Amino acid sequence: MSKYRRTRINDEVTRVMAEAIRTVKDPRVSNFIVTITKSDVSGDLKFAKIYFSVFGILPEEIKELKKGLYSAQGYLRSYIARELNLRITPELTFEYDNAMEHGADIMRLLKKIESSENPEASSPEKDDAQEENDE
């Protein structure tokens, strides 16, 4: 399978899964706002790894959410089969994607470094007061 076709299939599976996840009625899934970040479909279309993210969730809640997703796997797979015209509907596996939290940690560290390097970082209030004194 060409790389271009596989990329399109990955994008479509991601889009359809994002729609399908909102219709799951299992409270382990519907209590959270789940974001499908990407999908990785194997070359033979038999397997798809679905990466999801939820911001501000505890590790034990992630385990329950994964159980809920695996419980809804049959429904999600049938939803994909209805929406996409693929020869084979892939079996789904779910992986938690912590990229958003990792990015937030990096931003927090960068701000901490910036503030420690520049302790005289002025706030907007100080800038306004300084401009009034200059005039």
N, C-alpha and C. Protein backbone atom coordinates (compact mmCIF):
# COMPACT_ATOMS: atom_id res chain seq x y z
N MET A 1 0.84 -1.17 0.00
CA MET A 1 0.00 0.00 0.00
C MET A 1 0.89 1.23 0.00
N SER A 2 0.53 2.21 -0.81
CA SER A 2 1.35 3.41 -0.90
C SER A 2 1.24 4.22 0.40
N LYS A 3 2.29 4.96 0.66
CA LYS A 3 2.32 5.75 1.89
C LYS A 3 1.22 6.81 1.87
N TYR A 4 0.94 7.37 0.71
CA TYR A 4 -0.09 8.40 0.60
C TYR A 4 -1.46 7.83 0.98
N ARG A 5 -1.78 6.64 0.49
CA ARG A 5 -3.08 6.03 0.80
C ARG A 5 -3.17 5.70 2.28
N ARG A 6 -2.10 5.18 2.83
CA ARG A 6 -2.11 4.83 4.25
C ARG A 6 -2.28 6.08 5.11
N THR A 7 -1.66 7.18 4.72
CA THR A 7 -1.83 8.44 5.45
C THR A 7 -3.27 8.91 5.39
N ARG A 8 -3.90 8.81 4.22
CA ARG A 8 -5.30 9.20 4.10
C ARG A 8 -6.20 8.31 4.95
N ILE A 9 -5.92 7.02 4.98
CA ILE A 9 -6.72 6.10 5.80
C ILE A 9 -6.54 6.44 7.28
N ASN A 10 -5.31 6.71 7.69
CA ASN A 10 -5.07 7.10 9.09
C ASN A 10 -5.86 8.36 9.45
N ASP A 11 -5.84 9.34 8.57
CA ASP A 11 -6.57 10.58 8.83
C ASP A 11 -8.07 10.35 8.90
N GLU A 12 -8.60 9.53 8.02
CA GLU A 12 -10.03 9.25 8.02
C GLU A 12 -10.45 8.44 9.25
N VAL A 13 -9.63 7.48 9.65
CA VAL A 13 -9.95 6.70 10.84
C VAL A 13 -9.93 7.62 12.06
N THR A 14 -8.98 8.54 12.12
CA THR A 14 -8.91 9.50 13.22
C THR A 14 -10.17 10.36 13.25
N ARG A 15 -10.59 10.85 12.10
CA ARG A 15 -11.77 11.71 12.01
C ARG A 15 -13.02 10.95 12.44
N VAL A 16 -13.20 9.73 11.93
CA VAL A 16 -14.39 8.94 12.24
C VAL A 16 -14.39 8.53 13.72
N MET A 17 -13.23 8.18 14.26
CA MET A 17 -13.16 7.82 15.68
C MET A 17 -13.51 9.01 16.56
N ALA A 18 -13.10 10.22 16.16
CA ALA A 18 -13.44 11.40 16.93
C ALA A 18 -14.96 11.61 16.97
N GLU A 19 -15.63 11.31 15.85
CA GLU A 19 -17.10 11.39 15.82
C GLU A 19 -17.71 10.28 16.67
N ALA A 20 -17.19 9.08 16.52
CA ALA A 20 -17.78 7.91 17.17
C ALA A 20 -17.62 7.97 18.68
N ILE A 21 -16.53 8.50 19.16
CA ILE A 21 -16.25 8.50 20.60
C ILE A 21 -17.28 9.35 21.34
N ARG A 22 -17.83 10.37 20.64
CA ARG A 22 -18.83 11.23 21.27
C ARG A 22 -20.18 10.54 21.44
N THR A 23 -20.40 9.44 20.71
CA THR A 23 -21.69 8.75 20.78
C THR A 23 -21.67 7.55 21.71
N VAL A 24 -20.52 7.25 22.30
CA VAL A 24 -20.41 6.12 23.23
C VAL A 24 -21.17 6.48 24.51
N LYS A 25 -22.00 5.55 24.97
CA LYS A 25 -22.84 5.82 26.14
C LYS A 25 -22.26 5.27 27.44
N ASP A 26 -21.17 4.56 27.37
CA ASP A 26 -20.53 4.03 28.58
C ASP A 26 -20.07 5.20 29.44
N PRO A 27 -20.50 5.26 30.71
CA PRO A 27 -20.11 6.39 31.56
C PRO A 27 -18.62 6.49 31.80
N ARG A 28 -17.89 5.40 31.66
CA ARG A 28 -16.44 5.46 31.81
C ARG A 28 -15.81 6.28 30.69
N VAL A 29 -16.51 6.39 29.56
CA VAL A 29 -16.02 7.16 28.43
C VAL A 29 -16.72 8.51 28.34
N SER A 30 -18.03 8.51 28.51
CA SER A 30 -18.80 9.74 28.30
C SER A 30 -18.60 10.79 29.39
N ASN A 31 -18.04 10.42 30.53
CA ASN A 31 -17.78 11.38 31.60
C ASN A 31 -16.58 12.27 31.31
N PHE A 32 -15.79 11.95 30.31
CA PHE A 32 -14.59 12.70 29.97
C PHE A 32 -14.71 13.25 28.55
N ILE A 33 -13.97 14.30 28.30
CA ILE A 33 -13.87 14.82 26.94
C ILE A 33 -12.61 14.19 26.35
N VAL A 34 -12.82 13.17 25.55
CA VAL A 34 -11.72 12.40 24.97
C VAL A 34 -11.38 12.98 23.61
N THR A 35 -10.11 13.21 23.38
CA THR A 35 -9.63 13.71 22.10
C THR A 35 -8.83 12.60 21.42
N ILE A 36 -9.19 12.30 20.20
CA ILE A 36 -8.43 11.33 19.40
C ILE A 36 -7.31 12.10 18.72
N THR A 37 -6.07 11.82 19.10
CA THR A 37 -4.95 12.59 18.57
C THR A 37 -4.45 12.05 17.23
N LYS A 38 -4.42 10.74 17.10
CA LYS A 38 -4.01 10.15 15.81
C LYS A 38 -4.36 8.68 15.81
N SER A 39 -4.23 8.08 14.65
CA SER A 39 -4.41 6.64 14.52
C SER A 39 -3.31 6.10 13.63
N ASP A 40 -2.99 4.85 13.84
CA ASP A 40 -1.96 4.20 13.04
C ASP A 40 -2.51 2.85 12.59
N VAL A 41 -2.90 2.79 11.32
CA VAL A 41 -3.47 1.57 10.75
C VAL A 41 -2.33 0.78 10.12
N SER A 42 -2.33 -0.53 10.37
CA SER A 42 -1.28 -1.37 9.79
C SER A 42 -1.44 -1.44 8.27
N GLY A 43 -0.39 -1.85 7.61
CA GLY A 43 -0.39 -1.90 6.14
C GLY A 43 -1.44 -2.83 5.56
N ASP A 44 -1.78 -3.91 6.26
CA ASP A 44 -2.79 -4.84 5.76
C ASP A 44 -4.20 -4.50 6.24
N LEU A 45 -4.35 -3.37 6.92
CA LEU A 45 -5.64 -2.85 7.42
C LEU A 45 -6.30 -3.75 8.46
N LYS A 46 -5.57 -4.66 9.06
CA LYS A 46 -6.17 -5.55 10.04
C LYS A 46 -6.17 -4.96 11.45
N PHE A 47 -5.26 -4.06 11.73
CA PHE A 47 -5.13 -3.51 13.07
C PHE A 47 -5.01 -1.99 12.99
N ALA A 48 -5.58 -1.32 13.98
CA ALA A 48 -5.45 0.14 14.09
C ALA A 48 -5.18 0.49 15.54
N LYS A 49 -4.14 1.25 15.75
CA LYS A 49 -3.82 1.73 17.09
C LYS A 49 -4.36 3.16 17.16
N ILE A 50 -5.25 3.39 18.12
CA ILE A 50 -5.90 4.68 18.28
C ILE A 50 -5.27 5.38 19.48
N TYR A 51 -4.73 6.57 19.27
CA TYR A 51 -4.12 7.35 20.33
C TYR A 51 -5.12 8.39 20.80
N PHE A 52 -5.36 8.43 22.12
CA PHE A 52 -6.32 9.38 22.66
C PHE A 52 -5.67 10.18 23.78
N SER A 53 -6.26 11.32 24.06
CA SER A 53 -5.75 12.18 25.11
C SER A 53 -6.92 12.77 25.88
N VAL A 54 -6.72 12.95 27.17
CA VAL A 54 -7.68 13.60 28.04
C VAL A 54 -6.86 14.48 28.97
N PHE A 55 -7.16 15.76 28.99
CA PHE A 55 -6.38 16.69 29.81
C PHE A 55 -6.89 16.68 31.25
N GLY A 56 -5.98 16.66 32.20
CA GLY A 56 -6.32 16.74 33.61
C GLY A 56 -6.98 15.49 34.15
N ILE A 57 -6.44 14.35 33.83
CA ILE A 57 -7.02 13.08 34.27
C ILE A 57 -6.00 12.35 35.14
N LEU A 58 -6.49 11.65 36.14
CA LEU A 58 -5.62 10.89 37.03
C LEU A 58 -5.26 9.54 36.41
N PRO A 59 -4.11 8.96 36.79
CA PRO A 59 -3.71 7.67 36.21
C PRO A 59 -4.72 6.54 36.41
N GLU A 60 -5.39 6.52 37.58
CA GLU A 60 -6.38 5.45 37.77
C GLU A 60 -7.59 5.66 36.87
N GLU A 61 -7.91 6.92 36.58
CA GLU A 61 -9.03 7.20 35.68
C GLU A 61 -8.69 6.81 34.24
N ILE A 62 -7.42 6.89 33.88
CA ILE A 62 -7.00 6.48 32.54
C ILE A 62 -7.26 4.99 32.36
N LYS A 63 -6.96 4.21 33.38
CA LYS A 63 -7.20 2.77 33.30
C LYS A 63 -8.67 2.47 33.12
N GLU A 64 -9.54 3.17 33.86
CA GLU A 64 -10.98 2.96 33.73
C GLU A 64 -11.47 3.42 32.36
N LEU A 65 -10.92 4.52 31.86
CA LEU A 65 -11.29 5.01 30.54
C LEU A 65 -10.91 4.00 29.47
N LYS A 66 -9.71 3.41 29.58
CA LYS A 66 -9.29 2.39 28.63
C LYS A 66 -10.20 1.16 28.68
N LYS A 67 -10.61 0.78 29.89
CA LYS A 67 -11.55 -0.34 30.01
C LYS A 67 -12.86 -0.01 29.30
N GLY A 68 -13.32 1.22 29.46
CA GLY A 68 -14.55 1.65 28.79
C GLY A 68 -14.40 1.65 27.28
N LEU A 69 -13.23 2.07 26.79
CA LEU A 69 -13.00 2.07 25.34
C LEU A 69 -12.95 0.64 24.80
N TYR A 70 -12.29 -0.25 25.53
CA TYR A 70 -12.24 -1.64 25.07
C TYR A 70 -13.62 -2.28 25.15
N SER A 71 -14.43 -1.85 26.11
CA SER A 71 -15.79 -2.35 26.21
C SER A 71 -16.63 -1.89 25.01
N ALA A 72 -16.36 -0.69 24.53
CA ALA A 72 -17.10 -0.14 23.39
C ALA A 72 -16.43 -0.45 22.05
N GLN A 73 -15.42 -1.29 22.07
CA GLN A 73 -14.63 -1.58 20.86
C GLN A 73 -15.50 -2.09 19.71
N GLY A 74 -16.42 -2.98 19.98
CA GLY A 74 -17.29 -3.53 18.93
C GLY A 74 -18.15 -2.45 18.30
N TYR A 75 -18.72 -1.59 19.14
CA TYR A 75 -19.53 -0.48 18.63
C TYR A 75 -18.69 0.46 17.78
N LEU A 76 -17.50 0.81 18.26
CA LEU A 76 -16.62 1.73 17.53
C LEU A 76 -16.18 1.12 16.20
N ARG A 77 -15.91 -0.15 16.22
CA ARG A 77 -15.50 -0.84 14.99
C ARG A 77 -16.63 -0.86 13.97
N SER A 78 -17.85 -1.11 14.42
CA SER A 78 -18.99 -1.10 13.49
C SER A 78 -19.25 0.30 12.97
N TYR A 79 -19.01 1.32 13.79
CA TYR A 79 -19.17 2.71 13.35
C TYR A 79 -18.18 3.02 12.23
N ILE A 80 -16.95 2.56 12.40
CA ILE A 80 -15.93 2.77 11.36
C ILE A 80 -16.34 2.04 10.08
N ALA A 81 -16.85 0.82 10.23
CA ALA A 81 -17.25 0.04 9.05
C ALA A 81 -18.38 0.74 8.29
N ARG A 82 -19.31 1.35 9.02
CA ARG A 82 -20.41 2.08 8.37
C ARG A 82 -19.93 3.32 7.64
N GLU A 83 -18.99 4.04 8.27
CA GLU A 83 -18.57 5.33 7.72
C GLU A 83 -17.50 5.22 6.64
N LEU A 84 -16.63 4.25 6.75
CA LEU A 84 -15.53 4.11 5.79
C LEU A 84 -15.73 2.87 4.94
N ASN A 85 -15.40 2.97 3.70
CA ASN A 85 -15.53 1.86 2.78
C ASN A 85 -14.17 1.17 2.64
N LEU A 86 -13.84 0.36 3.65
CA LEU A 86 -12.58 -0.38 3.64
C LEU A 86 -12.87 -1.85 3.41
N ARG A 87 -11.94 -2.56 2.78
CA ARG A 87 -12.11 -3.99 2.59
C ARG A 87 -12.20 -4.72 3.91
N ILE A 88 -11.36 -4.31 4.84
CA ILE A 88 -11.29 -4.94 6.16
C ILE A 88 -11.46 -3.84 7.20
N THR A 89 -12.30 -4.08 8.17
CA THR A 89 -12.42 -3.14 9.28
C THR A 89 -11.39 -3.53 10.33
N PRO A 90 -10.48 -2.63 10.67
CA PRO A 90 -9.39 -3.00 11.56
C PRO A 90 -9.84 -3.26 13.00
N GLU A 91 -9.11 -4.14 13.66
CA GLU A 91 -9.29 -4.34 15.09
C GLU A 91 -8.64 -3.16 15.79
N LEU A 92 -9.27 -2.67 16.83
CA LEU A 92 -8.83 -1.45 17.49
C LEU A 92 -8.07 -1.74 18.78
N THR A 93 -6.99 -1.03 18.96
CA THR A 93 -6.30 -0.99 20.25
C THR A 93 -6.16 0.48 20.63
N PHE A 94 -6.14 0.75 21.90
CA PHE A 94 -6.14 2.13 22.38
C PHE A 94 -4.90 2.40 23.21
N GLU A 95 -4.28 3.54 22.95
CA GLU A 95 -3.09 3.96 23.67
C GLU A 95 -3.28 5.39 24.15
N TYR A 96 -2.95 5.63 25.42
CA TYR A 96 -3.05 6.98 25.98
C TYR A 96 -1.88 7.81 25.46
N ASP A 97 -2.17 8.99 24.96
CA ASP A 97 -1.17 9.90 24.40
C ASP A 97 -1.01 11.07 25.36
N ASN A 98 0.11 11.15 26.03
CA ASN A 98 0.32 12.21 27.02
C ASN A 98 1.08 13.39 26.44
N ALA A 99 1.01 13.61 25.15
CA ALA A 99 1.76 14.69 24.51
C ALA A 99 1.32 16.06 25.01
N MET A 100 0.01 16.24 25.24
CA MET A 100 -0.47 17.54 25.72
C MET A 100 0.10 17.86 27.10
N GLU A 101 0.09 16.89 27.98
CA GLU A 101 0.62 17.10 29.32
C GLU A 101 2.13 17.31 29.27
N HIS A 102 2.79 16.58 28.40
CA HIS A 102 4.24 16.73 28.24
C HIS A 102 4.56 18.15 27.74
N GLY A 103 3.79 18.63 26.78
CA GLY A 103 3.97 19.99 26.27
C GLY A 103 3.72 21.03 27.34
N ALA A 104 2.69 20.82 28.17
CA ALA A 104 2.39 21.76 29.26
C ALA A 104 3.54 21.77 30.27
N ASP A 105 4.13 20.61 30.55
CA ASP A 105 5.27 20.55 31.46
C ASP A 105 6.47 21.30 30.89
N ILE A 106 6.71 21.15 29.61
CA ILE A 106 7.83 21.86 28.96
C ILE A 106 7.61 23.36 29.04
N MET A 107 6.38 23.82 28.76
CA MET A 107 6.09 25.25 28.84
C MET A 107 6.29 25.77 30.27
N ARG A 108 5.86 25.00 31.27
CA ARG A 108 6.02 25.39 32.66
C ARG A 108 7.51 25.51 33.00
N LEU A 109 8.31 24.55 32.54
CA LEU A 109 9.75 24.60 32.81
C LEU A 109 10.42 25.79 32.10
N LEU A 110 10.01 26.06 30.87
CA LEU A 110 10.58 27.20 30.14
C LEU A 110 10.25 28.52 30.83
N LYS A 111 9.03 28.64 31.31
CA LYS A 111 8.65 29.88 32.03
C LYS A 111 9.42 30.00 33.33
N LYS A 112 9.66 28.87 34.00
CA LYS A 112 10.42 28.88 35.25
C LYS A 112 11.86 29.31 34.98
N ILE A 113 12.44 28.79 33.90
CA ILE A 113 13.81 29.17 33.53
C ILE A 113 13.87 30.64 33.17
N GLU A 114 12.88 31.10 32.41
CA GLU A 114 12.85 32.50 31.99
C GLU A 114 12.74 33.43 33.20
N SER A 115 11.89 33.06 34.16
CA SER A 115 11.73 33.93 35.32
C SER A 115 12.96 33.89 36.23
N SER A 116 13.67 32.77 36.28
CA SER A 116 14.88 32.70 37.12
C SER A 116 16.04 33.45 36.47
N GLU A 117 16.08 33.50 35.15
CA GLU A 117 17.15 34.23 34.47
C GLU A 117 16.91 35.72 34.52
N ASN A 118 15.67 36.12 34.54
CA ASN A 118 15.33 37.53 34.51
C ASN A 118 14.45 37.86 35.72
N PRO A 119 15.05 37.98 36.92
CA PRO A 119 14.24 38.23 38.11
C PRO A 119 13.59 39.60 38.10
N GLU A 120 14.10 40.51 37.26
CA GLU A 120 13.53 41.85 37.17
C GLU A 120 12.42 41.92 36.14
N ALA A 121 11.92 40.76 35.73
CA ALA A 121 10.83 40.75 34.74
C ALA A 121 9.70 41.58 35.29
N SER A 122 9.37 42.61 34.54
CA SER A 122 8.37 43.54 35.05
C SER A 122 6.98 43.10 34.63
N SER A 123 6.07 43.38 35.49
CA SER A 123 4.68 43.08 35.18
C SER A 123 4.11 44.25 34.39
N PRO A 124 2.96 44.10 33.73
CA PRO A 124 2.37 45.20 32.96
C PRO A 124 2.08 46.41 33.83
N GLU A 125 1.76 46.22 35.11
CA GLU A 125 1.48 47.34 35.99
C GLU A 125 2.75 48.17 36.20
N LYS A 126 3.90 47.50 36.37
CA LYS A 126 5.16 48.22 36.56
C LYS A 126 5.53 48.97 35.30
N ASP A 127 5.27 48.39 34.13
CA ASP A 127 5.58 49.06 32.87
C ASP A 127 4.76 50.33 32.73
N ASP A 128 3.47 50.28 33.08
CA ASP A 128 2.62 51.45 32.98
C ASP A 128 3.10 52.55 33.93
N ALA A 129 3.48 52.20 35.16
CA ALA A 129 3.97 53.17 36.12
C ALA A 129 5.27 53.78 35.66
N GLN A 130 6.14 52.98 35.04
CA GLN A 130 7.42 53.46 34.57
C GLN A 130 7.22 54.42 33.40
N GLU A 131 6.29 54.13 32.50
CA GLU A 131 6.01 55.02 31.38
C GLU A 131 5.49 56.36 31.86
N GLU A 132 4.65 56.38 32.90
CA GLU A 132 4.13 57.63 33.43
C GLU A 132 5.24 58.46 34.04
N ASN A 133 6.20 57.79 34.70
CA ASN A 133 7.34 58.52 35.30
C ASN A 133 8.25 59.09 34.23
N ASP A 134 8.41 58.37 33.10
CA ASP A 134 9.28 58.84 32.03
C ASP A 134 8.72 60.08 31.36
N GLU A 135 7.41 60.22 31.33
CA GLU A 135 6.79 61.37 30.65
C GLU A 135 6.80 62.53 31.53
